[in-house]
Amino acid sequence: MLSACSSDANPTAATAQDSDAVASESAARTAACRPVPPEGAPLAWFPAELPLPAGSYPIQDVDAAAPPPSAPASDTHRGLLAVHGSVTDFTSFIATEWTAAGWSLGKGDAERGEAEGGYRRGDFGGAYRVRDVYCDPTFTELLIVYGPGGATESS
């Protein structure tokens, strides 16, 4: 039996459809899932013009948490975020919202429980990887790379 909880007092038909999609995606989850981490400090370098689904939040600035690098520092940043929604929800969101905000998306790649790709606007861009790793099916983990010269196409 699969059960879920919601904070919505009056779910809509769209919420019910989204719940069905999340339930089918979470059915493939293994016992290796982990709890959604608490909210971390804001990512000062994260562009305000790169929207995220409502309810998403930063977890960790990966570069700031890493030990001193052996490679020279760069203007490229990496961060982890908890994204409200499934992998499918996120990829649909960026296809609509990021492109509407002027970002170009690369072809990308998707597998069960994971999607990745590149994005660019002007001289800035990077890559993202969103994964279904949390026991709570209403959140996914987003690793985002952002900086000057990011490309939407693979090398």
Protein backbone atom coordinates (compact mmCIF):
# COMPACT_ATOMS: atom_id res chain seq x y z
CA MET A 1 0.00 0.00 0.00
CA LEU A 2 1.33 3.42 -0.94
CA SER A 3 0.37 6.40 1.17
CA ALA A 4 1.21 10.07 1.05
CA CYS A 5 0.37 13.20 2.93
CA SER A 6 -0.27 16.70 1.72
CA SER A 7 -0.45 20.13 3.28
CA ASP A 8 -3.07 21.22 0.73
CA ALA A 9 -6.44 21.51 2.44
CA ASN A 10 -8.30 21.63 -0.88
CA PRO A 11 -6.42 19.66 -3.55
CA THR A 12 -7.29 20.43 -7.16
CA ALA A 13 -7.70 18.03 -10.05
CA ALA A 14 -4.18 18.97 -11.19
CA THR A 15 -2.85 18.12 -7.73
CA ALA A 16 -4.53 14.72 -7.91
CA GLN A 17 -2.98 14.09 -11.33
CA ASP A 18 0.42 15.23 -10.05
CA SER A 19 0.03 12.92 -7.06
CA ASP A 20 -0.66 9.99 -9.37
CA ALA A 21 2.48 10.80 -11.38
CA VAL A 22 4.58 11.13 -8.22
CA ALA A 23 3.18 7.87 -6.86
CA SER A 24 4.12 5.99 -10.03
CA GLU A 25 7.61 7.52 -10.04
CA SER A 26 8.15 6.80 -6.34
CA ALA A 27 7.10 3.17 -6.80
CA ALA A 28 10.53 2.55 -8.34
CA ARG A 29 12.31 3.96 -5.26
CA THR A 30 14.58 1.63 -3.36
CA ALA A 31 15.21 1.41 0.37
CA ALA A 32 18.33 3.51 -0.24
CA CYS A 33 16.35 6.76 -0.19
CA ARG A 34 17.25 9.43 2.34
CA PRO A 35 15.40 12.22 4.16
CA VAL A 36 15.10 15.65 2.54
CA PRO A 37 17.85 17.81 4.09
CA PRO A 38 16.98 21.02 5.93
CA GLU A 39 17.26 24.39 4.21
CA GLY A 40 20.79 25.75 4.02
CA ALA A 41 22.20 29.21 3.48
CA PRO A 42 21.19 31.05 0.30
CA LEU A 43 23.48 30.54 -2.71
CA ALA A 44 24.72 34.11 -3.22
CA TRP A 45 25.87 33.32 -6.76
CA PHE A 46 22.59 31.71 -7.91
CA PRO A 47 20.95 33.97 -10.51
CA ALA A 48 17.54 35.37 -9.58
CA GLU A 49 16.61 35.06 -13.28
CA LEU A 50 16.82 31.25 -13.05
CA PRO A 51 13.43 30.37 -11.51
CA LEU A 52 12.78 27.26 -9.45
CA PRO A 53 9.48 25.58 -8.57
CA ALA A 54 7.71 27.10 -5.54
CA GLY A 55 8.81 25.40 -2.32
CA SER A 56 12.37 24.69 -3.57
CA TYR A 57 15.32 25.76 -1.43
CA PRO A 58 19.13 25.65 -1.25
CA ILE A 59 20.78 22.88 0.73
CA GLN A 60 24.50 23.48 0.30
CA ASP A 61 27.09 25.49 -1.62
CA VAL A 62 29.15 22.48 -2.76
CA ASP A 63 32.31 24.49 -3.44
CA ALA A 64 32.22 26.26 -0.08
CA ALA A 65 31.80 22.92 1.73
CA ALA A 66 34.61 21.17 -0.19
CA PRO A 67 38.15 20.89 1.17
CA PRO A 68 40.71 23.26 -0.37
CA PRO A 69 40.85 22.51 -4.10
CA SER A 70 43.88 21.12 -5.85
CA ALA A 71 42.84 22.98 -9.02
CA PRO A 72 42.87 26.77 -9.30
CA ALA A 73 39.68 28.55 -8.23
CA SER A 74 37.26 29.49 -11.00
CA ASP A 75 34.16 31.61 -11.41
CA THR A 76 32.05 28.46 -11.77
CA HIS A 77 29.89 27.49 -8.80
CA ARG A 78 28.16 24.27 -7.75
CA GLY A 79 25.23 23.95 -5.38
CA LEU A 80 22.69 21.43 -4.12
CA LEU A 81 19.03 22.35 -3.87
CA ALA A 82 15.90 20.54 -2.74
CA VAL A 83 13.40 20.96 -5.58
CA HIS A 84 9.72 20.67 -4.85
CA GLY A 85 8.38 18.16 -7.36
CA SER A 86 9.41 15.04 -9.24
CA VAL A 87 12.14 14.74 -11.87
CA THR A 88 9.44 14.97 -14.55
CA ASP A 89 7.92 18.04 -12.86
CA PHE A 90 11.33 19.76 -12.83
CA THR A 91 12.14 19.04 -16.48
CA SER A 92 8.68 20.28 -17.52
CA PHE A 93 9.13 23.39 -15.36
CA ILE A 94 12.50 24.35 -16.87
CA ALA A 95 11.29 23.66 -20.42
CA THR A 96 8.62 26.28 -19.84
CA GLU A 97 9.97 28.71 -17.25
CA TRP A 98 13.69 28.79 -18.05
CA THR A 99 13.10 29.21 -21.77
CA ALA A 100 10.51 31.93 -21.07
CA ALA A 101 13.20 33.72 -19.01
CA GLY A 102 15.55 33.62 -22.01
CA TRP A 103 17.66 30.57 -21.15
CA SER A 104 18.51 28.05 -23.89
CA LEU A 105 18.43 24.38 -22.93
CA GLY A 106 20.72 21.72 -24.34
CA LYS A 107 19.42 18.35 -25.50
CA GLY A 108 19.93 16.75 -22.09
CA ASP A 109 19.59 13.15 -21.02
CA ALA A 110 17.10 11.34 -18.81
CA GLU A 111 16.97 7.94 -17.17
CA ARG A 112 14.55 6.54 -14.65
CA GLY A 113 14.72 8.79 -11.59
CA GLU A 114 17.28 11.22 -13.08
CA ALA A 115 17.64 13.94 -15.71
CA GLU A 116 20.56 16.16 -16.68
CA GLY A 117 21.34 18.80 -19.21
CA GLY A 118 22.85 22.19 -19.91
CA TYR A 119 21.52 25.72 -20.06
CA ARG A 120 22.84 29.08 -21.25
CA ARG A 121 21.87 32.72 -21.54
CA GLY A 122 24.38 35.18 -22.97
CA ASP A 123 27.84 34.50 -21.56
CA PHE A 124 26.59 32.49 -18.54
CA GLY A 125 25.25 29.02 -18.09
CA GLY A 126 26.04 25.60 -16.79
CA ALA A 127 24.60 22.18 -16.18
CA TYR A 128 22.03 20.55 -13.94
CA ARG A 129 21.35 17.05 -12.65
CA VAL A 130 18.09 16.33 -10.87
CA ARG A 131 17.66 12.99 -9.09
CA ASP A 132 14.96 11.13 -7.23
CA VAL A 133 16.92 10.29 -4.05
CA TYR A 134 14.63 11.36 -1.20
CA CYS A 135 12.13 9.17 0.65
CA ASP A 136 9.66 12.06 0.37
CA PRO A 137 8.37 11.78 -3.22
CA THR A 138 7.44 15.47 -3.29
CA PHE A 139 11.12 16.53 -3.46
CA THR A 140 14.09 15.81 -5.71
CA GLU A 141 17.78 16.71 -5.41
CA LEU A 142 19.18 19.26 -7.86
CA LEU A 143 22.91 19.68 -8.42
CA ILE A 144 23.44 22.85 -10.41
CA VAL A 145 26.63 24.23 -11.94
CA TYR A 146 26.65 27.88 -12.94
CA GLY A 147 29.25 30.30 -14.24
CA PRO A 148 30.62 32.25 -17.18
CA GLY A 149 31.01 30.40 -20.46
CA GLY A 150 28.62 27.56 -19.58
CA ALA A 151 27.42 25.67 -22.62
CA THR A 152 24.20 23.90 -23.53
CA GLU A 153 25.89 21.33 -25.77
CA SER A 154 28.25 18.55 -24.77
CA SER A 155 31.85 18.70 -25.88
